[in-house]
Amino acid sequence: TTIKKSAKKSFLQKKGVQFLQVNSLKKKNDFISLFQILKKRGFNR
């Protein structure tokens, strides 16, 4: 998400949901950067 703070975010965090904040997800490089972060978090497939 691009949202930094909100009541919904706090509510879901209490349920164990994690958040990854991005500035944008429009260009190819935005997606590549996201996938690189996900890989560093252990996602390979």
PDB file of all heavy atoms in Angstrom:
ATOM      1  N   THR A   1       0.818  -1.206   0.000  1.00  0.00           N
ATOM      2  CA  THR A   1       0.000   0.000   0.000  1.00  0.00           C
ATOM      3  C   THR A   1       0.859   1.267   0.000  1.00  0.00           C
ATOM      4  O   THR A   1       2.051   1.214   0.319  1.00  0.00           O
ATOM      5  CB  THR A   1      -0.937   0.006   1.238  1.00  0.00           C
ATOM      6  OG1 THR A   1      -1.828   1.105   1.162  1.00  0.00           O
ATOM      7  CG2 THR A   1      -0.130   0.080   2.526  1.00  0.00           C
ATOM      8  N   THR A   2       0.220   2.379  -0.353  1.00  0.00           N
ATOM      9  CA  THR A   2       0.883   3.687  -0.258  1.00  0.00           C
ATOM     10  C   THR A   2       0.482   4.415   1.025  1.00  0.00           C
ATOM     11  O   THR A   2       1.045   5.462   1.347  1.00  0.00           O
ATOM     12  CB  THR A   2       0.509   4.567  -1.462  1.00  0.00           C
ATOM     13  OG1 THR A   2      -0.923   4.743  -1.486  1.00  0.00           O
ATOM     14  CG2 THR A   2       0.965   3.943  -2.773  1.00  0.00           C
ATOM     15  N   ILE A   3      -0.503   3.863   1.743  1.00  0.00           N
ATOM     16  CA  ILE A   3      -1.040   4.509   2.941  1.00  0.00           C
ATOM     17  C   ILE A   3      -0.086   4.332   4.123  1.00  0.00           C
ATOM     18  O   ILE A   3       0.326   3.208   4.430  1.00  0.00           O
ATOM     19  CB  ILE A   3      -2.424   3.942   3.294  1.00  0.00           C
ATOM     20  CG1 ILE A   3      -3.379   4.079   2.108  1.00  0.00           C
ATOM     21  CG2 ILE A   3      -2.988   4.627   4.537  1.00  0.00           C
ATOM     22  CD1 ILE A   3      -3.632   5.499   1.663  1.00  0.00           C
ATOM     23  N   LYS A   4       0.231   5.449   4.789  1.00  0.00           N
ATOM     24  CA  LYS A   4       1.153   5.383   5.918  1.00  0.00           C
ATOM     25  C   LYS A   4       0.437   5.044   7.223  1.00  0.00           C
ATOM     26  O   LYS A   4       0.880   4.183   7.988  1.00  0.00           O
ATOM     27  CB  LYS A   4       1.898   6.712   6.056  1.00  0.00           C
ATOM     28  CG  LYS A   4       2.828   7.019   4.891  1.00  0.00           C
ATOM     29  CD  LYS A   4       3.558   8.339   5.111  1.00  0.00           C
ATOM     30  CE  LYS A   4       4.496   8.634   3.945  1.00  0.00           C
ATOM     31  NZ  LYS A   4       5.217   9.925   4.137  1.00  0.00           N
ATOM     32  N   LYS A   5      -0.659   5.739   7.489  1.00  0.00           N
ATOM     33  CA  LYS A   5      -1.381   5.519   8.752  1.00  0.00           C
ATOM     34  C   LYS A   5      -2.880   5.592   8.485  1.00  0.00           C
ATOM     35  O   LYS A   5      -3.353   6.418   7.703  1.00  0.00           O
ATOM     36  CB  LYS A   5      -0.989   6.568   9.793  1.00  0.00           C
ATOM     37  CG  LYS A   5       0.467   6.507  10.220  1.00  0.00           C
ATOM     38  CD  LYS A   5       0.806   7.616  11.190  1.00  0.00           C
ATOM     39  CE  LYS A   5       0.473   7.218  12.610  1.00  0.00           C
ATOM     40  NZ  LYS A   5       0.939   8.232  13.593  1.00  0.00           N
ATOM     41  N   SER A   6      -3.624   4.691   9.143  1.00  0.00           N
ATOM     42  CA  SER A   6      -5.083   4.745   9.070  1.00  0.00           C
ATOM     43  C   SER A   6      -5.648   3.805  10.116  1.00  0.00           C
ATOM     44  O   SER A   6      -4.960   2.897  10.603  1.00  0.00           O
ATOM     45  CB  SER A   6      -5.592   4.344   7.675  1.00  0.00           C
ATOM     46  OG  SER A   6      -5.488   2.957   7.496  1.00  0.00           O
ATOM     47  N   ALA A   7      -6.916   3.999  10.465  1.00  0.00           N
ATOM     48  CA  ALA A   7      -7.572   3.124  11.437  1.00  0.00           C
ATOM     49  C   ALA A   7      -7.669   1.704  10.899  1.00  0.00           C
ATOM     50  O   ALA A   7      -7.506   0.726  11.651  1.00  0.00           O
ATOM     51  CB  ALA A   7      -8.964   3.677  11.751  1.00  0.00           C
ATOM     52  N   LYS A   8      -7.921   1.581   9.611  1.00  0.00           N
ATOM     53  CA  LYS A   8      -8.021   0.240   9.010  1.00  0.00           C
ATOM     54  C   LYS A   8      -6.679  -0.483   9.098  1.00  0.00           C
ATOM     55  O   LYS A   8      -6.614  -1.676   9.400  1.00  0.00           O
ATOM     56  CB  LYS A   8      -8.471   0.338   7.551  1.00  0.00           C
ATOM     57  CG  LYS A   8      -8.567  -1.012   6.855  1.00  0.00           C
ATOM     58  CD  LYS A   8      -9.037  -0.872   5.418  1.00  0.00           C
ATOM     59  CE  LYS A   8     -10.492  -0.511   5.365  1.00  0.00           C
ATOM     60  NZ  LYS A   8     -11.024  -0.577   3.977  1.00  0.00           N
ATOM     61  N   LYS A   9      -5.604   0.241   8.845  1.00  0.00           N
ATOM     62  CA  LYS A   9      -4.272  -0.356   8.916  1.00  0.00           C
ATOM     63  C   LYS A   9      -3.985  -0.858  10.326  1.00  0.00           C
ATOM     64  O   LYS A   9      -3.494  -1.970  10.519  1.00  0.00           O
ATOM     65  CB  LYS A   9      -3.225   0.671   8.487  1.00  0.00           C
ATOM     66  CG  LYS A   9      -1.834   0.099   8.263  1.00  0.00           C
ATOM     67  CD  LYS A   9      -0.924   1.148   7.637  1.00  0.00           C
ATOM     68  CE  LYS A   9       0.448   0.565   7.332  1.00  0.00           C
ATOM     69  NZ  LYS A   9       1.342   1.567   6.692  1.00  0.00           N
ATOM     70  N   SER A  10      -4.322  -0.070  11.328  1.00  0.00           N
ATOM     71  CA  SER A  10      -4.119  -0.471  12.722  1.00  0.00           C
ATOM     72  C   SER A  10      -4.968  -1.692  13.060  1.00  0.00           C
ATOM     73  O   SER A  10      -4.507  -2.619  13.738  1.00  0.00           O
ATOM     74  CB  SER A  10      -4.471   0.684  13.662  1.00  0.00           C
ATOM     75  OG  SER A  10      -3.639   1.791  13.422  1.00  0.00           O
ATOM     76  N   PHE A  11      -6.212  -1.711  12.581  1.00  0.00           N
ATOM     77  CA  PHE A  11      -7.114  -2.830  12.833  1.00  0.00           C
ATOM     78  C   PHE A  11      -6.552  -4.131  12.256  1.00  0.00           C
ATOM     79  O   PHE A  11      -6.528  -5.170  12.926  1.00  0.00           O
ATOM     80  CB  PHE A  11      -8.479  -2.524  12.219  1.00  0.00           C
ATOM     81  CG  PHE A  11      -9.438  -3.682  12.233  1.00  0.00           C
ATOM     82  CD1 PHE A  11     -10.159  -3.995  13.382  1.00  0.00           C
ATOM     83  CD2 PHE A  11      -9.619  -4.469  11.095  1.00  0.00           C
ATOM     84  CE1 PHE A  11     -11.046  -5.076  13.393  1.00  0.00           C
ATOM     85  CE2 PHE A  11     -10.490  -5.543  11.098  1.00  0.00           C
ATOM     86  CZ  PHE A  11     -11.208  -5.850  12.255  1.00  0.00           C
ATOM     87  N   LEU A  12      -6.076  -4.066  11.024  1.00  0.00           N
ATOM     88  CA  LEU A  12      -5.561  -5.271  10.368  1.00  0.00           C
ATOM     89  C   LEU A  12      -4.225  -5.708  10.965  1.00  0.00           C
ATOM     90  O   LEU A  12      -3.936  -6.907  11.038  1.00  0.00           O
ATOM     91  CB  LEU A  12      -5.436  -5.027   8.866  1.00  0.00           C
ATOM     92  CG  LEU A  12      -6.764  -4.862   8.116  1.00  0.00           C
ATOM     93  CD1 LEU A  12      -6.520  -4.495   6.661  1.00  0.00           C
ATOM     94  CD2 LEU A  12      -7.607  -6.127   8.217  1.00  0.00           C
ATOM     95  N   GLN A  13      -3.419  -4.773  11.397  1.00  0.00           N
ATOM     96  CA  GLN A  13      -2.156  -5.128  12.043  1.00  0.00           C
ATOM     97  C   GLN A  13      -2.402  -5.924  13.314  1.00  0.00           C
ATOM     98  O   GLN A  13      -1.642  -6.848  13.644  1.00  0.00           O
ATOM     99  CB  GLN A  13      -1.339  -3.863  12.340  1.00  0.00           C
ATOM    100  CG  GLN A  13      -0.657  -3.284  11.104  1.00  0.00           C
ATOM    101  CD  GLN A  13       0.034  -1.975  11.377  1.00  0.00           C
ATOM    102  OE1 GLN A  13      -0.418  -1.172  12.200  1.00  0.00           O
ATOM    103  NE2 GLN A  13       1.142  -1.729  10.678  1.00  0.00           N
ATOM    104  N   LYS A  14      -3.463  -5.589  14.040  1.00  0.00           N
ATOM    105  CA  LYS A  14      -3.817  -6.340  15.251  1.00  0.00           C
ATOM    106  C   LYS A  14      -4.236  -7.763  14.922  1.00  0.00           C
ATOM    107  O   LYS A  14      -4.150  -8.652  15.772  1.00  0.00           O
ATOM    108  CB  LYS A  14      -4.938  -5.618  16.004  1.00  0.00           C
ATOM    109  CG  LYS A  14      -4.497  -4.318  16.645  1.00  0.00           C
ATOM    110  CD  LYS A  14      -5.656  -3.594  17.319  1.00  0.00           C
ATOM    111  CE  LYS A  14      -5.192  -2.274  17.925  1.00  0.00           C
ATOM    112  NZ  LYS A  14      -6.327  -1.519  18.536  1.00  0.00           N
ATOM    113  N   LYS A  15      -4.686  -7.985  13.680  1.00  0.00           N
ATOM    114  CA  LYS A  15      -5.036  -9.332  13.233  1.00  0.00           C
ATOM    115  C   LYS A  15      -3.839 -10.087  12.675  1.00  0.00           C
ATOM    116  O   LYS A  15      -3.973 -11.208  12.179  1.00  0.00           O
ATOM    117  CB  LYS A  15      -6.140  -9.259  12.171  1.00  0.00           C
ATOM    118  CG  LYS A  15      -7.529  -8.990  12.733  1.00  0.00           C
ATOM    119  CD  LYS A  15      -8.573  -9.033  11.643  1.00  0.00           C
ATOM    120  CE  LYS A  15      -9.974  -9.058  12.218  1.00  0.00           C
ATOM    121  NZ  LYS A  15     -10.318 -10.368  12.807  1.00  0.00           N
ATOM    122  N   GLY A  16      -2.671  -9.461  12.715  1.00  0.00           N
ATOM    123  CA  GLY A  16      -1.454 -10.123  12.248  1.00  0.00           C
ATOM    124  C   GLY A  16      -1.068  -9.806  10.819  1.00  0.00           C
ATOM    125  O   GLY A  16      -0.092 -10.359  10.306  1.00  0.00           O
ATOM    126  N   VAL A  17      -1.820  -8.930  10.166  1.00  0.00           N
ATOM    127  CA  VAL A  17      -1.506  -8.563   8.787  1.00  0.00           C
ATOM    128  C   VAL A  17      -0.272  -7.661   8.769  1.00  0.00           C
ATOM    129  O   VAL A  17      -0.146  -6.742   9.586  1.00  0.00           O
ATOM    130  CB  VAL A  17      -2.696  -7.854   8.125  1.00  0.00           C
ATOM    131  CG1 VAL A  17      -2.343  -7.394   6.717  1.00  0.00           C
ATOM    132  CG2 VAL A  17      -3.910  -8.777   8.099  1.00  0.00           C
ATOM    133  N   GLN A  18       0.640  -7.940   7.842  1.00  0.00           N
ATOM    134  CA  GLN A  18       1.833  -7.120   7.679  1.00  0.00           C
ATOM    135  C   GLN A  18       1.633  -6.154   6.511  1.00  0.00           C
ATOM    136  O   GLN A  18       0.824  -6.417   5.607  1.00  0.00           O
ATOM    137  CB  GLN A  18       3.059  -8.001   7.414  1.00  0.00           C
ATOM    138  CG  GLN A  18       3.341  -9.001   8.517  1.00  0.00           C
ATOM    139  CD  GLN A  18       4.462  -9.959   8.154  1.00  0.00           C
ATOM    140  OE1 GLN A  18       5.327  -9.645   7.350  1.00  0.00           O
ATOM    141  NE2 GLN A  18       4.438 -11.139   8.759  1.00  0.00           N
ATOM    142  N   PHE A  19       2.372  -5.057   6.545  1.00  0.00           N
ATOM    143  CA  PHE A  19       2.247  -4.058   5.484  1.00  0.00           C
ATOM    144  C   PHE A  19       3.607  -3.742   4.892  1.00  0.00           C
ATOM    145  O   PHE A  19       4.623  -3.731   5.591  1.00  0.00           O
ATOM    146  CB  PHE A  19       1.605  -2.776   6.031  1.00  0.00           C
ATOM    147  CG  PHE A  19       0.138  -2.906   6.291  1.00  0.00           C
ATOM    148  CD1 PHE A  19      -0.332  -3.440   7.482  1.00  0.00           C
ATOM    149  CD2 PHE A  19      -0.778  -2.525   5.318  1.00  0.00           C
ATOM    150  CE1 PHE A  19      -1.690  -3.571   7.723  1.00  0.00           C
ATOM    151  CE2 PHE A  19      -2.143  -2.654   5.551  1.00  0.00           C
ATOM    152  CZ  PHE A  19      -2.598  -3.182   6.747  1.00  0.00           C
ATOM    153  N   LEU A  20       3.596  -3.509   3.594  1.00  0.00           N
ATOM    154  CA  LEU A  20       4.789  -3.065   2.884  1.00  0.00           C
ATOM    155  C   LEU A  20       4.414  -1.796   2.131  1.00  0.00           C
ATOM    156  O   LEU A  20       3.570  -1.827   1.243  1.00  0.00           O
ATOM    157  CB  LEU A  20       5.272  -4.147   1.912  1.00  0.00           C
ATOM    158  CG  LEU A  20       6.485  -3.806   1.042  1.00  0.00           C
ATOM    159  CD1 LEU A  20       7.686  -3.425   1.896  1.00  0.00           C
ATOM    160  CD2 LEU A  20       6.833  -4.981   0.138  1.00  0.00           C
ATOM    161  N   GLN A  21       5.025  -0.691   2.529  1.00  0.00           N
ATOM    162  CA  GLN A  21       4.670   0.589   1.937  1.00  0.00           C
ATOM    163  C   GLN A  21       5.526   0.877   0.711  1.00  0.00           C
ATOM    164  O   GLN A  21       6.742   0.690   0.724  1.00  0.00           O
ATOM    165  CB  GLN A  21       4.848   1.711   2.958  1.00  0.00           C
ATOM    166  CG  GLN A  21       4.290   3.041   2.479  1.00  0.00           C
ATOM    167  CD  GLN A  21       4.355   4.096   3.567  1.00  0.00           C
ATOM    168  OE1 GLN A  21       4.219   3.795   4.741  1.00  0.00           O
ATOM    169  NE2 GLN A  21       4.563   5.343   3.169  1.00  0.00           N
ATOM    170  N   VAL A  22       4.868   1.307  -0.349  1.00  0.00           N
ATOM    171  CA  VAL A  22       5.555   1.702  -1.584  1.00  0.00           C
ATOM    172  C   VAL A  22       5.107   3.107  -1.948  1.00  0.00           C
ATOM    173  O   VAL A  22       4.039   3.565  -1.537  1.00  0.00           O
ATOM    174  CB  VAL A  22       5.246   0.729  -2.743  1.00  0.00           C
ATOM    175  CG1 VAL A  22       5.781  -0.665  -2.444  1.00  0.00           C
ATOM    176  CG2 VAL A  22       3.741   0.677  -3.038  1.00  0.00           C
ATOM    177  N   ASN A  23       5.923   3.789  -2.714  1.00  0.00           N
ATOM    178  CA  ASN A  23       5.560   5.137  -3.160  1.00  0.00           C
ATOM    179  C   ASN A  23       4.684   5.107  -4.404  1.00  0.00           C
ATOM    180  O   ASN A  23       3.823   5.964  -4.598  1.00  0.00           O
ATOM    181  CB  ASN A  23       6.822   5.953  -3.444  1.00  0.00           C
ATOM    182  CG  ASN A  23       7.637   6.206  -2.188  1.00  0.00           C
ATOM    183  OD1 ASN A  23       7.073   6.434  -1.113  1.00  0.00           O
ATOM    184  ND2 ASN A  23       8.946   6.160  -2.311  1.00  0.00           N
ATOM    185  N   SER A  24       4.928   4.107  -5.244  1.00  0.00           N
ATOM    186  CA  SER A  24       4.190   4.015  -6.505  1.00  0.00           C
ATOM    187  C   SER A  24       4.274   2.594  -7.032  1.00  0.00           C
ATOM    188  O   SER A  24       5.195   1.848  -6.697  1.00  0.00           O
ATOM    189  CB  SER A  24       4.774   4.997  -7.523  1.00  0.00           C
ATOM    190  OG  SER A  24       4.143   4.857  -8.772  1.00  0.00           O
ATOM    191  N   LEU A  25       3.303   2.221  -7.847  1.00  0.00           N
ATOM    192  CA  LEU A  25       3.331   0.911  -8.506  1.00  0.00           C
ATOM    193  C   LEU A  25       2.705   1.077  -9.888  1.00  0.00           C
ATOM    194  O   LEU A  25       1.654   0.530 -10.205  1.00  0.00           O
ATOM    195  CB  LEU A  25       2.559  -0.116  -7.669  1.00  0.00           C
ATOM    196  CG  LEU A  25       2.951  -1.594  -7.862  1.00  0.00           C
ATOM    197  CD1 LEU A  25       4.430  -1.813  -7.603  1.00  0.00           C
ATOM    198  CD2 LEU A  25       2.131  -2.486  -6.949  1.00  0.00           C
ATOM    199  N   LYS A  26       3.403   1.842 -10.714  1.00  0.00           N
ATOM    200  CA  LYS A  26       2.902   2.145 -12.047  1.00  0.00           C
ATOM    201  C   LYS A  26       3.842   1.665 -13.144  1.00  0.00           C
ATOM    202  O   LYS A  26       3.408   1.107 -14.144  1.00  0.00           O
ATOM    203  CB  LYS A  26       2.684   3.654 -12.192  1.00  0.00           C
ATOM    204  CG  LYS A  26       1.601   4.231 -11.288  1.00  0.00           C
ATOM    205  CD  LYS A  26       1.471   5.729 -11.489  1.00  0.00           C
ATOM    206  CE  LYS A  26       0.390   6.324 -10.593  1.00  0.00           C
ATOM    207  NZ  LYS A  26       0.282   7.792 -10.773  1.00  0.00           N
ATOM    208  N   LYS A  27       5.133   1.900 -12.951  1.00  0.00           N
ATOM    209  CA  LYS A  27       6.115   1.583 -13.979  1.00  0.00           C
ATOM    210  C   LYS A  27       6.716   0.197 -13.759  1.00  0.00           C
ATOM    211  O   LYS A  27       6.642  -0.368 -12.663  1.00  0.00           O
ATOM    212  CB  LYS A  27       7.223   2.639 -13.978  1.00  0.00           C
ATOM    213  CG  LYS A  27       6.727   4.046 -14.271  1.00  0.00           C
ATOM    214  CD  LYS A  27       7.870   5.047 -14.204  1.00  0.00           C
ATOM    215  CE  LYS A  27       7.383   6.469 -14.470  1.00  0.00           C
ATOM    216  NZ  LYS A  27       8.485   7.461 -14.369  1.00  0.00           N
ATOM    217  N   LYS A  28       7.328  -0.315 -14.800  1.00  0.00           N
ATOM    218  CA  LYS A  28       7.956  -1.632 -14.727  1.00  0.00           C
ATOM    219  C   LYS A  28       8.987  -1.689 -13.607  1.00  0.00           C
ATOM    220  O   LYS A  28       9.046  -2.672 -12.866  1.00  0.00           O
ATOM    221  CB  LYS A  28       8.614  -1.979 -16.070  1.00  0.00           C
ATOM    222  CG  LYS A  28       9.262  -3.359 -16.094  1.00  0.00           C
ATOM    223  CD  LYS A  28       9.780  -3.692 -17.484  1.00  0.00           C
ATOM    224  CE  LYS A  28      10.387  -5.101 -17.516  1.00  0.00           C
ATOM    225  NZ  LYS A  28      10.827  -5.472 -18.877  1.00  0.00           N
ATOM    226  N   ASN A  29       9.781  -0.642 -13.469  1.00  0.00           N
ATOM    227  CA  ASN A  29      10.805  -0.623 -12.431  1.00  0.00           C
ATOM    228  C   ASN A  29      10.204  -0.640 -11.028  1.00  0.00           C
ATOM    229  O   ASN A  29      10.831  -1.145 -10.081  1.00  0.00           O
ATOM    230  CB  ASN A  29      11.725   0.589 -12.594  1.00  0.00           C
ATOM    231  CG  ASN A  29      12.712   0.410 -13.732  1.00  0.00           C
ATOM    232  OD1 ASN A  29      12.975  -0.713 -14.166  1.00  0.00           O
ATOM    233  ND2 ASN A  29      13.251   1.510 -14.226  1.00  0.00           N
ATOM    234  N   ASP A  30       8.992  -0.077 -10.875  1.00  0.00           N
ATOM    235  CA  ASP A  30       8.311  -0.144  -9.578  1.00  0.00           C
ATOM    236  C   ASP A  30       8.026  -1.594  -9.199  1.00  0.00           C
ATOM    237  O   ASP A  30       8.220  -2.008  -8.048  1.00  0.00           O
ATOM    238  CB  ASP A  30       6.990   0.637  -9.620  1.00  0.00           C
ATOM    239  CG  ASP A  30       7.191   2.131  -9.824  1.00  0.00           C
ATOM    240  OD1 ASP A  30       8.276   2.634  -9.473  1.00  0.00           O
ATOM    241  OD2 ASP A  30       6.259   2.784 -10.333  1.00  0.00           O
ATOM    242  N   PHE A  31       7.554  -2.371 -10.178  1.00  0.00           N
ATOM    243  CA  PHE A  31       7.261  -3.777  -9.927  1.00  0.00           C
ATOM    244  C   PHE A  31       8.534  -4.573  -9.675  1.00  0.00           C
ATOM    245  O   PHE A  31       8.573  -5.444  -8.800  1.00  0.00           O
ATOM    246  CB  PHE A  31       6.482  -4.375 -11.100  1.00  0.00           C
ATOM    247  CG  PHE A  31       5.045  -3.975 -11.133  1.00  0.00           C
ATOM    248  CD1 PHE A  31       4.614  -2.927 -11.931  1.00  0.00           C
ATOM    249  CD2 PHE A  31       4.100  -4.646 -10.363  1.00  0.00           C
ATOM    250  CE1 PHE A  31       3.292  -2.551 -11.957  1.00  0.00           C
ATOM    251  CE2 PHE A  31       2.766  -4.280 -10.384  1.00  0.00           C
ATOM    252  CZ  PHE A  31       2.357  -3.232 -11.185  1.00  0.00           C
ATOM    253  N   ILE A  32       9.564  -4.286 -10.454  1.00  0.00           N
ATOM    254  CA  ILE A  32      10.839  -4.995 -10.257  1.00  0.00           C
ATOM    255  C   ILE A  32      11.369  -4.741  -8.850  1.00  0.00           C
ATOM    256  O   ILE A  32      11.830  -5.666  -8.165  1.00  0.00           O
ATOM    257  CB  ILE A  32      11.863  -4.567 -11.324  1.00  0.00           C
ATOM    258  CG1 ILE A  32      11.439  -5.110 -12.694  1.00  0.00           C
ATOM    259  CG2 ILE A  32      13.259  -5.074 -10.977  1.00  0.00           C
ATOM    260  CD1 ILE A  32      12.313  -4.654 -13.840  1.00  0.00           C
ATOM    261  N   SER A  33      11.284  -3.493  -8.390  1.00  0.00           N
ATOM    262  CA  SER A  33      11.729  -3.165  -7.032  1.00  0.00           C
ATOM    263  C   SER A  33      10.908  -3.925  -5.994  1.00  0.00           C
ATOM    264  O   SER A  33      11.456  -4.434  -5.002  1.00  0.00           O
ATOM    265  CB  SER A  33      11.615  -1.659  -6.783  1.00  0.00           C
ATOM    266  OG  SER A  33      12.477  -0.935  -7.633  1.00  0.00           O
ATOM    267  N   LEU A  34       9.594  -4.017  -6.229  1.00  0.00           N
ATOM    268  CA  LEU A  34       8.736  -4.765  -5.312  1.00  0.00           C
ATOM    269  C   LEU A  34       9.121  -6.234  -5.275  1.00  0.00           C
ATOM    270  O   LEU A  34       9.260  -6.828  -4.197  1.00  0.00           O
ATOM    271  CB  LEU A  34       7.269  -4.618  -5.732  1.00  0.00           C
ATOM    272  CG  LEU A  34       6.263  -5.486  -4.962  1.00  0.00           C
ATOM    273  CD1 LEU A  34       6.265  -5.143  -3.483  1.00  0.00           C
ATOM    274  CD2 LEU A  34       4.866  -5.354  -5.552  1.00  0.00           C
ATOM    275  N   PHE A  35       9.324  -6.823  -6.447  1.00  0.00           N
ATOM    276  CA  PHE A  35       9.688  -8.243  -6.497  1.00  0.00           C
ATOM    277  C   PHE A  35      11.049  -8.489  -5.838  1.00  0.00           C
ATOM    278  O   PHE A  35      11.267  -9.530  -5.208  1.00  0.00           O
ATOM    279  CB  PHE A  35       9.695  -8.733  -7.948  1.00  0.00           C
ATOM    280  CG  PHE A  35       8.332  -8.803  -8.574  1.00  0.00           C
ATOM    281  CD1 PHE A  35       8.147  -8.503  -9.917  1.00  0.00           C
ATOM    282  CD2 PHE A  35       7.222  -9.141  -7.824  1.00  0.00           C
ATOM    283  CE1 PHE A  35       6.890  -8.557 -10.499  1.00  0.00           C
ATOM    284  CE2 PHE A  35       5.955  -9.196  -8.396  1.00  0.00           C
ATOM    285  CZ  PHE A  35       5.793  -8.901  -9.730  1.00  0.00           C
ATOM    286  N   GLN A  36      11.958  -7.531  -5.972  1.00  0.00           N
ATOM    287  CA  GLN A  36      13.258  -7.683  -5.315  1.00  0.00           C
ATOM    288  C   GLN A  36      13.104  -7.681  -3.795  1.00  0.00           C
ATOM    289  O   GLN A  36      13.753  -8.470  -3.091  1.00  0.00           O
ATOM    290  CB  GLN A  36      14.193  -6.547  -5.757  1.00  0.00           C
ATOM    291  CG  GLN A  36      14.670  -6.672  -7.193  1.00  0.00           C
ATOM    292  CD  GLN A  36      15.472  -5.464  -7.657  1.00  0.00           C
ATOM    293  OE1 GLN A  36      15.416  -4.394  -7.037  1.00  0.00           O
ATOM    294  NE2 GLN A  36      16.214  -5.619  -8.731  1.00  0.00           N
ATOM    295  N   ILE A  37      12.235  -6.826  -3.288  1.00  0.00           N
ATOM    296  CA  ILE A  37      11.977  -6.789  -1.844  1.00  0.00           C
ATOM    297  C   ILE A  37      11.343  -8.105  -1.391  1.00  0.00           C
ATOM    298  O   ILE A  37      11.719  -8.666  -0.358  1.00  0.00           O
ATOM    299  CB  ILE A  37      11.059  -5.598  -1.489  1.00  0.00           C
ATOM    300  CG1 ILE A  37      11.788  -4.285  -1.742  1.00  0.00           C
ATOM    301  CG2 ILE A  37      10.599  -5.682  -0.040  1.00  0.00           C
ATOM    302  CD1 ILE A  37      10.897  -3.057  -1.637  1.00  0.00           C
ATOM    303  N   LEU A  38      10.397  -8.599  -2.172  1.00  0.00           N
ATOM    304  CA  LEU A  38       9.732  -9.854  -1.812  1.00  0.00           C
ATOM    305  C   LEU A  38      10.722 -11.014  -1.813  1.00  0.00           C
ATOM    306  O   LEU A  38      10.652 -11.902  -0.968  1.00  0.00           O
ATOM    307  CB  LEU A  38       8.575 -10.124  -2.776  1.00  0.00           C
ATOM    308  CG  LEU A  38       7.393  -9.144  -2.676  1.00  0.00           C
ATOM    309  CD1 LEU A  38       6.365  -9.437  -3.759  1.00  0.00           C
ATOM    310  CD2 LEU A  38       6.745  -9.211  -1.298  1.00  0.00           C
ATOM    311  N   LYS A  39      11.650 -10.999  -2.754  1.00  0.00           N
ATOM    312  CA  LYS A  39      12.672 -12.049  -2.778  1.00  0.00           C
ATOM    313  C   LYS A  39      13.535 -11.990  -1.526  1.00  0.00           C
ATOM    314  O   LYS A  39      13.865 -13.015  -0.930  1.00  0.00           O
ATOM    315  CB  LYS A  39      13.543 -11.944  -4.026  1.00  0.00           C
ATOM    316  CG  LYS A  39      14.544 -13.095  -4.169  1.00  0.00           C
ATOM    317  CD  LYS A  39      15.312 -13.004  -5.458  1.00  0.00           C
ATOM    318  CE  LYS A  39      16.179 -14.248  -5.660  1.00  0.00           C
ATOM    319  NZ  LYS A  39      17.166 -14.424  -4.590  1.00  0.00           N
ATOM    320  N   LYS A  40      13.896 -10.789  -1.097  1.00  0.00           N
ATOM    321  CA  LYS A  40      14.695 -10.645   0.116  1.00  0.00           C
ATOM    322  C   LYS A  40      13.928 -11.139   1.342  1.00  0.00           C
ATOM    323  O   LYS A  40      14.532 -11.545   2.343  1.00  0.00           O
ATOM    324  CB  LYS A  40      15.101  -9.184   0.306  1.00  0.00           C
ATOM    325  CG  LYS A  40      16.155  -8.711  -0.692  1.00  0.00           C
ATOM    326  CD  LYS A  40      16.502  -7.251  -0.471  1.00  0.00           C
ATOM    327  CE  LYS A  40      17.551  -6.780  -1.475  1.00  0.00           C
ATOM    328  NZ  LYS A  40      17.869  -5.336  -1.309  1.00  0.00           N
ATOM    329  N   ARG A  41      12.598 -11.114   1.255  1.00  0.00           N
ATOM    330  CA  ARG A  41      11.766 -11.609   2.355  1.00  0.00           C
ATOM    331  C   ARG A  41      11.509 -13.115   2.257  1.00  0.00           C
ATOM    332  O   ARG A  41      10.721 -13.671   3.023  1.00  0.00           O
ATOM    333  CB  ARG A  41      10.441 -10.851   2.400  1.00  0.00           C
ATOM    334  CG  ARG A  41      10.596  -9.388   2.786  1.00  0.00           C
ATOM    335  CD  ARG A  41       9.276  -8.784   3.196  1.00  0.00           C
ATOM    336  NE  ARG A  41       9.436  -7.412   3.662  1.00  0.00           N
ATOM    337  CZ  ARG A  41       8.498  -6.753   4.344  1.00  0.00           C
ATOM    338  NH1 ARG A  41       7.345  -7.348   4.648  1.00  0.00           N
ATOM    339  NH2 ARG A  41       8.704  -5.508   4.736  1.00  0.00           N
ATOM    340  N   GLY A  42      12.163 -13.761   1.302  1.00  0.00           N
ATOM    341  CA  GLY A  42      12.100 -15.213   1.221  1.00  0.00           C
ATOM    342  C   GLY A  42      11.122 -15.783   0.228  1.00  0.00           C
ATOM    343  O   GLY A  42      10.902 -16.993   0.194  1.00  0.00           O
ATOM    344  N   PHE A  43      10.537 -14.944  -0.629  1.00  0.00           N
ATOM    345  CA  PHE A  43       9.586 -15.436  -1.624  1.00  0.00           C
ATOM    346  C   PHE A  43      10.329 -15.725  -2.926  1.00  0.00           C
ATOM    347  O   PHE A  43      10.891 -14.827  -3.539  1.00  0.00           O
ATOM    348  CB  PHE A  43       8.470 -14.420  -1.861  1.00  0.00           C
ATOM    349  CG  PHE A  43       7.631 -14.150  -0.643  1.00  0.00           C
ATOM    350  CD1 PHE A  43       7.635 -12.912  -0.033  1.00  0.00           C
ATOM    351  CD2 PHE A  43       6.849 -15.153  -0.098  1.00  0.00           C
ATOM    352  CE1 PHE A  43       6.868 -12.659   1.090  1.00  0.00           C
ATOM    353  CE2 PHE A  43       6.070 -14.926   1.034  1.00  0.00           C
ATOM    354  CZ  PHE A  43       6.082 -13.683   1.630  1.00  0.00           C
ATOM    355  N   ASN A  44      10.304 -16.989  -3.340  1.00  0.00           N
ATOM    356  CA  ASN A  44      11.043 -17.417  -4.528  1.00  0.00           C
ATOM    357  C   ASN A  44      10.137 -17.904  -5.656  1.00  0.00           C
ATOM    358  O   ASN A  44      10.555 -17.941  -6.802  1.00  0.00           O
ATOM    359  CB  ASN A  44      12.017 -18.533  -4.155  1.00  0.00           C
ATOM    360  CG  ASN A  44      13.061 -18.067  -3.163  1.00  0.00           C
ATOM    361  OD1 ASN A  44      13.886 -17.220  -3.470  1.00  0.00           O
ATOM    362  ND2 ASN A  44      13.024 -18.607  -1.949  1.00  0.00           N
ATOM    363  N   ARG A  45       8.925 -18.305  -5.313  1.00  0.00           N
ATOM    364  CA  ARG A  45       7.963 -18.800  -6.309  1.00  0.00           C
ATOM    365  C   ARG A  45       6.625 -18.115  -6.039  1.00  0.00           C
ATOM    366  O   ARG A  45       5.963 -18.419  -5.042  1.00  0.00           O
ATOM    367  CB  ARG A  45       7.810 -20.323  -6.237  1.00  0.00           C
ATOM    368  CG  ARG A  45       9.055 -21.099  -6.661  1.00  0.00           C
ATOM    369  CD  ARG A  45       8.847 -22.608  -6.468  1.00  0.00           C
ATOM    370  NE  ARG A  45       7.716 -23.111  -7.225  1.00  0.00           N
ATOM    371  CZ  ARG A  45       7.784 -23.500  -8.505  1.00  0.00           C
ATOM    372  NH1 ARG A  45       8.937 -23.437  -9.159  1.00  0.00           N
ATOM    373  NH2 ARG A  45       6.719 -23.955  -9.123  1.00  0.00           N
TER     374      ARG A  45
END
